[in-house]
Amino acid sequence: MTEENDLELTEGSKYIITSLGSRDEPIKSTGEFCGYLSIGNGGAVCIKLDKSHKGMGGKMRIIPTHMILAIDVVKKAKKHEDEDVDSTSKSYL
């Protein structure tokens, strides 16, 4: 069984995020989770795309949370002990 504190996105971890795309096909974003972003009244996750995205590798992708269909954990980074309890404090513009 997974501990409750393991059920969070951790900065530096690698994920595959499947989100709504076109009517026929979802978008798969593979890369490192960098943090959260507020967009108006909603939220989004920021992921730095990896080399599998060819020309987009290294670019930041912002995915609104209401568009996310699934998140697969590829590699989990260790959480730093000195991080604040409030993980929403870091955001990107």
N, C-alpha and C. Protein backbone atom coordinates (compact mmCIF):
# COMPACT_ATOMS: atom_id res chain seq x y z
N MET A 1 0.84 -1.18 0.00
CA MET A 1 0.00 0.00 0.00
C MET A 1 0.89 1.25 0.00
N THR A 2 0.47 2.25 -0.71
CA THR A 2 1.23 3.49 -0.82
C THR A 2 0.87 4.43 0.32
N GLU A 3 1.90 5.06 0.88
CA GLU A 3 1.66 6.05 1.92
C GLU A 3 1.03 7.30 1.29
N GLU A 4 0.23 8.00 2.06
CA GLU A 4 -0.47 9.18 1.55
C GLU A 4 0.50 10.24 1.03
N ASN A 5 1.64 10.45 1.68
CA ASN A 5 2.57 11.49 1.24
C ASN A 5 3.29 11.12 -0.05
N ASP A 6 3.18 9.87 -0.50
CA ASP A 6 3.75 9.48 -1.78
C ASP A 6 2.85 9.88 -2.95
N LEU A 7 1.63 10.29 -2.66
CA LEU A 7 0.66 10.61 -3.70
C LEU A 7 0.67 12.10 -4.02
N GLU A 8 1.81 12.58 -4.49
CA GLU A 8 1.94 13.97 -4.90
C GLU A 8 2.98 14.06 -5.99
N LEU A 9 2.85 15.08 -6.83
CA LEU A 9 3.85 15.30 -7.87
C LEU A 9 5.07 15.92 -7.21
N THR A 10 6.23 15.37 -7.50
CA THR A 10 7.47 15.80 -6.88
C THR A 10 8.36 16.46 -7.93
N GLU A 11 8.83 17.66 -7.64
CA GLU A 11 9.72 18.36 -8.57
C GLU A 11 10.94 17.50 -8.84
N GLY A 12 11.32 17.42 -10.11
CA GLY A 12 12.45 16.62 -10.52
C GLY A 12 12.08 15.21 -10.93
N SER A 13 10.86 14.77 -10.62
CA SER A 13 10.41 13.44 -11.03
C SER A 13 10.04 13.46 -12.51
N LYS A 14 10.14 12.27 -13.13
CA LYS A 14 9.81 12.15 -14.54
C LYS A 14 8.43 11.50 -14.66
N TYR A 15 7.57 12.12 -15.47
CA TYR A 15 6.21 11.65 -15.65
C TYR A 15 5.85 11.61 -17.14
N ILE A 16 4.85 10.79 -17.46
CA ILE A 16 4.18 10.85 -18.75
C ILE A 16 2.77 11.33 -18.44
N ILE A 17 2.44 12.52 -18.92
CA ILE A 17 1.12 13.08 -18.67
C ILE A 17 0.30 12.99 -19.95
N THR A 18 -0.83 12.30 -19.86
CA THR A 18 -1.75 12.20 -20.99
C THR A 18 -2.86 13.22 -20.76
N SER A 19 -3.05 14.10 -21.74
CA SER A 19 -4.05 15.15 -21.60
C SER A 19 -4.91 15.23 -22.86
N LEU A 20 -6.03 15.93 -22.73
CA LEU A 20 -6.93 16.09 -23.87
C LEU A 20 -6.21 16.81 -25.00
N GLY A 21 -6.40 16.30 -26.19
CA GLY A 21 -5.82 16.92 -27.38
C GLY A 21 -6.92 17.12 -28.40
N SER A 22 -6.74 16.53 -29.57
CA SER A 22 -7.78 16.61 -30.58
C SER A 22 -8.88 15.61 -30.25
N ARG A 23 -9.92 15.63 -31.02
CA ARG A 23 -11.04 14.71 -30.81
C ARG A 23 -10.59 13.26 -30.93
N ASP A 24 -9.63 12.99 -31.80
CA ASP A 24 -9.21 11.62 -32.09
C ASP A 24 -8.04 11.12 -31.26
N GLU A 25 -7.22 12.02 -30.74
CA GLU A 25 -6.00 11.57 -30.08
C GLU A 25 -5.60 12.49 -28.92
N PRO A 26 -5.27 11.88 -27.76
CA PRO A 26 -4.78 12.69 -26.63
C PRO A 26 -3.33 13.12 -26.87
N ILE A 27 -2.85 14.05 -26.05
CA ILE A 27 -1.47 14.51 -26.10
C ILE A 27 -0.70 13.81 -24.99
N LYS A 28 0.47 13.24 -25.32
CA LYS A 28 1.35 12.64 -24.32
C LYS A 28 2.54 13.55 -24.13
N SER A 29 2.78 13.96 -22.89
CA SER A 29 3.91 14.83 -22.55
C SER A 29 4.81 14.07 -21.60
N THR A 30 6.05 13.83 -22.04
CA THR A 30 7.01 13.10 -21.22
C THR A 30 8.12 14.04 -20.81
N GLY A 31 8.40 14.07 -19.49
CA GLY A 31 9.47 14.93 -19.03
C GLY A 31 9.47 15.11 -17.53
N GLU A 32 10.22 16.11 -17.10
CA GLU A 32 10.44 16.39 -15.68
C GLU A 32 9.44 17.41 -15.16
N PHE A 33 8.78 17.07 -14.05
CA PHE A 33 7.84 17.99 -13.42
C PHE A 33 8.60 19.13 -12.78
N CYS A 34 8.19 20.37 -13.08
CA CYS A 34 8.89 21.54 -12.57
C CYS A 34 8.08 22.35 -11.57
N GLY A 35 6.78 22.18 -11.52
CA GLY A 35 5.99 22.94 -10.56
C GLY A 35 4.58 23.18 -11.06
N TYR A 36 3.88 24.04 -10.34
CA TYR A 36 2.49 24.39 -10.63
C TYR A 36 2.40 25.83 -11.11
N LEU A 37 1.30 26.14 -11.76
CA LEU A 37 1.06 27.47 -12.30
C LEU A 37 -0.41 27.80 -12.12
N SER A 38 -0.70 29.02 -11.75
CA SER A 38 -2.09 29.48 -11.67
C SER A 38 -2.44 30.21 -12.96
N ILE A 39 -3.57 29.81 -13.54
CA ILE A 39 -4.06 30.47 -14.75
C ILE A 39 -5.48 30.91 -14.45
N GLY A 40 -5.68 32.20 -14.25
CA GLY A 40 -7.00 32.69 -13.89
C GLY A 40 -7.47 32.02 -12.61
N ASN A 41 -8.63 31.36 -12.67
CA ASN A 41 -9.15 30.66 -11.50
C ASN A 41 -8.73 29.20 -11.46
N GLY A 42 -7.99 28.76 -12.47
CA GLY A 42 -7.59 27.35 -12.56
C GLY A 42 -6.12 27.15 -12.29
N GLY A 43 -5.72 25.91 -12.32
CA GLY A 43 -4.33 25.56 -12.11
C GLY A 43 -3.79 24.76 -13.28
N ALA A 44 -2.47 24.64 -13.32
CA ALA A 44 -1.80 23.89 -14.37
C ALA A 44 -0.52 23.29 -13.81
N VAL A 45 -0.01 22.27 -14.49
CA VAL A 45 1.28 21.70 -14.14
C VAL A 45 2.28 22.09 -15.22
N CYS A 46 3.53 22.26 -14.83
CA CYS A 46 4.61 22.61 -15.76
C CYS A 46 5.53 21.41 -15.88
N ILE A 47 5.79 21.01 -17.10
CA ILE A 47 6.67 19.87 -17.34
C ILE A 47 7.69 20.26 -18.41
N LYS A 48 8.96 19.97 -18.11
CA LYS A 48 10.04 20.23 -19.08
C LYS A 48 10.14 19.00 -19.96
N LEU A 49 9.81 19.17 -21.24
CA LEU A 49 9.76 18.05 -22.16
C LEU A 49 11.13 17.44 -22.38
N ASP A 50 11.17 16.10 -22.50
CA ASP A 50 12.44 15.41 -22.71
C ASP A 50 12.75 15.27 -24.20
N LYS A 51 13.84 14.57 -24.50
CA LYS A 51 14.32 14.42 -25.89
C LYS A 51 13.36 13.66 -26.78
N SER A 52 12.44 12.89 -26.20
CA SER A 52 11.50 12.13 -27.03
C SER A 52 10.57 13.05 -27.82
N HIS A 53 10.55 14.33 -27.49
CA HIS A 53 9.71 15.30 -28.19
C HIS A 53 10.47 16.01 -29.31
N LYS A 54 11.63 15.47 -29.67
CA LYS A 54 12.48 15.96 -30.75
C LYS A 54 12.73 17.46 -30.65
N GLY A 55 12.23 18.28 -31.55
CA GLY A 55 12.49 19.71 -31.56
C GLY A 55 11.93 20.46 -30.36
N MET A 56 11.00 19.86 -29.65
CA MET A 56 10.41 20.50 -28.48
C MET A 56 11.15 20.12 -27.19
N GLY A 57 12.09 19.20 -27.28
CA GLY A 57 12.85 18.77 -26.10
C GLY A 57 13.49 19.96 -25.39
N GLY A 58 13.35 20.00 -24.08
CA GLY A 58 13.90 21.09 -23.28
C GLY A 58 12.94 22.25 -23.10
N LYS A 59 11.86 22.29 -23.86
CA LYS A 59 10.86 23.35 -23.73
C LYS A 59 9.92 23.04 -22.57
N MET A 60 9.31 24.07 -22.01
CA MET A 60 8.36 23.92 -20.91
C MET A 60 6.96 23.80 -21.49
N ARG A 61 6.22 22.78 -21.05
CA ARG A 61 4.82 22.63 -21.45
C ARG A 61 3.94 22.88 -20.24
N ILE A 62 2.92 23.69 -20.41
CA ILE A 62 1.97 24.01 -19.35
C ILE A 62 0.67 23.28 -19.69
N ILE A 63 0.23 22.44 -18.76
CA ILE A 63 -0.96 21.62 -18.98
C ILE A 63 -2.01 21.98 -17.92
N PRO A 64 -3.13 22.58 -18.33
CA PRO A 64 -4.18 22.87 -17.35
C PRO A 64 -4.65 21.58 -16.67
N THR A 65 -4.85 21.63 -15.37
CA THR A 65 -5.19 20.42 -14.62
C THR A 65 -6.51 19.81 -15.09
N HIS A 66 -7.46 20.61 -15.54
CA HIS A 66 -8.74 20.04 -15.98
C HIS A 66 -8.61 19.30 -17.31
N MET A 67 -7.46 19.39 -17.98
CA MET A 67 -7.22 18.69 -19.24
C MET A 67 -6.51 17.35 -19.04
N ILE A 68 -6.02 17.08 -17.84
CA ILE A 68 -5.23 15.87 -17.59
C ILE A 68 -6.14 14.65 -17.50
N LEU A 69 -5.78 13.61 -18.27
CA LEU A 69 -6.50 12.34 -18.26
C LEU A 69 -5.80 11.31 -17.38
N ALA A 70 -4.46 11.29 -17.42
CA ALA A 70 -3.70 10.31 -16.65
C ALA A 70 -2.28 10.81 -16.45
N ILE A 71 -1.67 10.35 -15.34
CA ILE A 71 -0.26 10.66 -15.06
C ILE A 71 0.43 9.35 -14.72
N ASP A 72 1.44 9.00 -15.51
CA ASP A 72 2.24 7.80 -15.26
C ASP A 72 3.57 8.22 -14.65
N VAL A 73 3.96 7.58 -13.55
CA VAL A 73 5.23 7.87 -12.90
C VAL A 73 6.31 7.02 -13.57
N VAL A 74 7.30 7.69 -14.17
CA VAL A 74 8.41 6.99 -14.81
C VAL A 74 9.56 6.85 -13.82
N LYS A 75 9.92 7.95 -13.17
CA LYS A 75 11.01 7.95 -12.19
C LYS A 75 10.70 8.99 -11.14
N LYS A 76 10.62 8.54 -9.89
CA LYS A 76 10.27 9.45 -8.79
C LYS A 76 11.55 10.00 -8.16
N ALA A 77 11.63 11.33 -8.06
CA ALA A 77 12.75 11.98 -7.39
C ALA A 77 12.50 11.99 -5.90
N LYS A 78 13.56 12.01 -5.13
CA LYS A 78 13.42 12.11 -3.69
C LYS A 78 13.00 13.51 -3.31
N LYS A 79 12.06 13.60 -2.38
CA LYS A 79 11.61 14.89 -1.90
C LYS A 79 12.63 15.42 -0.90
N HIS A 80 12.99 16.69 -1.04
CA HIS A 80 13.94 17.30 -0.13
C HIS A 80 13.28 17.51 1.23
N GLU A 81 13.97 17.15 2.29
CA GLU A 81 13.43 17.28 3.64
C GLU A 81 13.20 18.74 4.04
N ASP A 82 13.97 19.66 3.46
CA ASP A 82 13.85 21.07 3.84
C ASP A 82 12.79 21.82 3.05
N GLU A 83 12.04 21.12 2.18
CA GLU A 83 10.99 21.78 1.43
C GLU A 83 9.84 22.15 2.34
N ASP A 84 9.18 23.24 2.01
CA ASP A 84 8.00 23.66 2.77
C ASP A 84 6.90 22.63 2.58
N VAL A 85 6.02 22.55 3.56
CA VAL A 85 4.89 21.65 3.48
C VAL A 85 3.97 22.07 2.34
N ASP A 86 3.83 23.37 2.11
CA ASP A 86 2.98 23.89 1.04
C ASP A 86 3.72 23.80 -0.29
N SER A 87 3.44 22.76 -1.07
CA SER A 87 4.14 22.56 -2.34
C SER A 87 3.62 23.49 -3.44
N THR A 88 2.55 24.24 -3.20
CA THR A 88 2.02 25.15 -4.21
C THR A 88 2.72 26.50 -4.18
N SER A 89 3.70 26.68 -3.30
CA SER A 89 4.35 27.98 -3.18
C SER A 89 5.23 28.32 -4.38
N LYS A 90 5.70 27.32 -5.14
CA LYS A 90 6.53 27.58 -6.30
C LYS A 90 5.67 27.54 -7.55
N SER A 91 5.69 28.61 -8.30
CA SER A 91 4.91 28.64 -9.54
C SER A 91 5.69 29.37 -10.61
N TYR A 92 5.29 29.14 -11.85
CA TYR A 92 5.96 29.73 -12.99
C TYR A 92 5.02 30.66 -13.73
N LEU A 93 5.57 31.65 -14.37
CA LEU A 93 4.76 32.56 -15.19
C LEU A 93 4.95 32.26 -16.63
